[in-house]
Amino acid sequence: MPVERHIIVYRRYFFDFYETLDEKSQRKIEWTLNLIRLVRQVPEKYFKHLSGTEGLYEIRVEVESNIYRIFSFFDSGNIVVLGNGFQKKSKRIPEKKLRKAHKIMNEYFNEK
């Protein structure tokens, strides 16, 4: 029996990123989000906890030579909250993007 996670978007952070992408990249992101929704054990290739963080995950999407990351976190067990996204251009996650992801997660829980 598949697990159903609910994916929600907090404010416009995710959409501000998503709307800049071409249709093929958007479709691959939607495919990946659907995988996260339905598969009990999502392969780390697509969904991974960020070591050294408390509760931040990255959704990983590859489209041809482009690599995209979407920061996310859990709320109330099976709710995945989408935060900011970016196109990854190096091995390391940019510190500025990581700080923004923490800020978004803190905003979300403070507003709750």
Protein backbone atom coordinates (compact mmCIF):
# COMPACT_ATOMS: atom_id res chain seq x y z
CA MET A 1 0.00 0.00 0.00
CA PRO A 2 1.53 3.33 -1.00
CA VAL A 3 2.27 6.02 1.52
CA GLU A 4 0.63 9.29 0.83
CA ARG A 5 2.53 12.37 1.81
CA HIS A 6 0.90 15.71 1.32
CA ILE A 7 3.00 18.38 -0.36
CA ILE A 8 2.22 21.99 0.39
CA VAL A 9 3.85 25.21 -0.74
CA TYR A 10 4.68 27.88 1.81
CA ARG A 11 4.20 31.41 0.51
CA ARG A 12 5.65 31.95 -3.01
CA TYR A 13 9.22 30.83 -2.47
CA PHE A 14 8.86 27.63 -4.48
CA PHE A 15 6.65 29.16 -7.21
CA ASP A 16 9.06 32.08 -7.71
CA PHE A 17 11.69 29.48 -8.66
CA TYR A 18 9.41 27.03 -10.51
CA GLU A 19 7.89 29.66 -12.80
CA THR A 20 11.33 30.58 -14.18
CA LEU A 21 11.90 27.04 -15.52
CA ASP A 22 11.10 25.61 -18.94
CA GLU A 23 8.22 23.17 -19.36
CA LYS A 24 10.45 20.08 -19.44
CA SER A 25 12.06 21.00 -16.11
CA GLN A 26 8.66 21.76 -14.58
CA ARG A 27 7.35 18.34 -15.68
CA LYS A 28 10.36 16.58 -14.13
CA ILE A 29 9.84 18.48 -10.86
CA GLU A 30 6.17 17.45 -10.86
CA TRP A 31 7.18 13.82 -11.53
CA THR A 32 9.64 13.95 -8.60
CA LEU A 33 7.07 15.51 -6.27
CA ASN A 34 4.60 12.77 -7.20
CA LEU A 35 7.24 10.15 -6.39
CA ILE A 36 7.75 11.73 -2.96
CA ARG A 37 3.99 11.77 -2.45
CA LEU A 38 3.50 8.09 -3.19
CA VAL A 39 6.66 6.04 -2.50
CA ARG A 40 7.36 4.82 1.04
CA GLN A 41 11.16 4.86 0.73
CA VAL A 42 12.12 7.55 -1.73
CA PRO A 43 15.65 6.99 -3.10
CA GLU A 44 18.19 9.55 -1.86
CA LYS A 45 18.78 10.43 -5.48
CA TYR A 46 15.47 12.33 -5.30
CA PHE A 47 14.89 13.21 -1.63
CA LYS A 48 17.59 13.50 1.01
CA HIS A 49 17.98 14.88 4.53
CA LEU A 50 20.70 17.53 4.59
CA SER A 51 23.31 16.43 7.07
CA GLY A 52 24.25 19.06 9.59
CA THR A 53 20.76 20.59 9.55
CA GLU A 54 17.79 20.08 11.79
CA GLY A 55 14.92 18.99 9.61
CA LEU A 56 15.90 20.35 6.20
CA TYR A 57 15.63 18.10 3.17
CA GLU A 58 16.51 18.65 -0.44
CA ILE A 59 14.47 17.46 -3.37
CA ARG A 60 16.86 16.68 -6.20
CA VAL A 61 15.88 16.98 -9.84
CA GLU A 62 18.09 16.46 -12.89
CA VAL A 63 17.03 17.51 -16.37
CA GLU A 64 19.69 16.92 -19.00
CA SER A 65 22.74 18.85 -17.76
CA ASN A 66 20.72 20.99 -15.30
CA ILE A 67 20.51 20.09 -11.63
CA TYR A 68 17.83 21.66 -9.45
CA ARG A 69 17.39 21.57 -5.70
CA ILE A 70 14.28 22.42 -3.71
CA PHE A 71 14.57 22.80 0.04
CA SER A 72 11.78 21.27 2.06
CA PHE A 73 10.88 20.10 5.56
CA PHE A 74 8.26 18.00 7.30
CA ASP A 75 5.31 19.20 9.32
CA SER A 76 3.02 16.88 11.31
CA GLY A 77 4.48 13.63 10.05
CA ASN A 78 3.48 13.22 6.43
CA ILE A 79 3.24 16.84 5.29
CA VAL A 80 6.17 18.01 3.16
CA VAL A 81 6.49 21.80 2.97
CA LEU A 82 8.28 23.23 -0.07
CA GLY A 83 10.56 26.21 0.42
CA ASN A 84 13.05 27.82 -1.93
CA GLY A 85 14.62 26.22 -4.97
CA PHE A 86 17.67 26.93 -7.08
CA GLN A 87 19.77 25.60 -9.92
CA LYS A 88 22.83 23.88 -8.55
CA LYS A 89 26.05 24.85 -10.32
CA SER A 90 28.71 23.38 -8.04
CA LYS A 91 29.26 20.45 -5.68
CA ARG A 92 28.47 22.46 -2.58
CA ILE A 93 25.15 24.00 -1.61
CA PRO A 94 25.54 27.81 -1.57
CA GLU A 95 25.55 29.02 2.04
CA LYS A 96 23.21 31.89 1.16
CA LYS A 97 20.58 29.44 -0.20
CA LEU A 98 20.91 27.26 2.90
CA ARG A 99 20.45 30.26 5.24
CA LYS A 100 17.35 31.26 3.28
CA ALA A 101 15.95 27.72 3.63
CA HIS A 102 16.45 27.86 7.43
CA LYS A 103 14.77 31.28 7.53
CA ILE A 104 11.77 29.97 5.56
CA MET A 105 11.41 26.94 7.83
CA ASN A 106 11.58 29.13 10.95
CA GLU A 107 9.02 31.57 9.47
CA TYR A 108 6.66 28.70 8.73
CA PHE A 109 6.76 27.24 12.24
CA ASN A 110 6.59 30.68 13.90
CA GLU A 111 3.43 31.50 11.95
CA LYS A 112 1.77 28.20 12.80
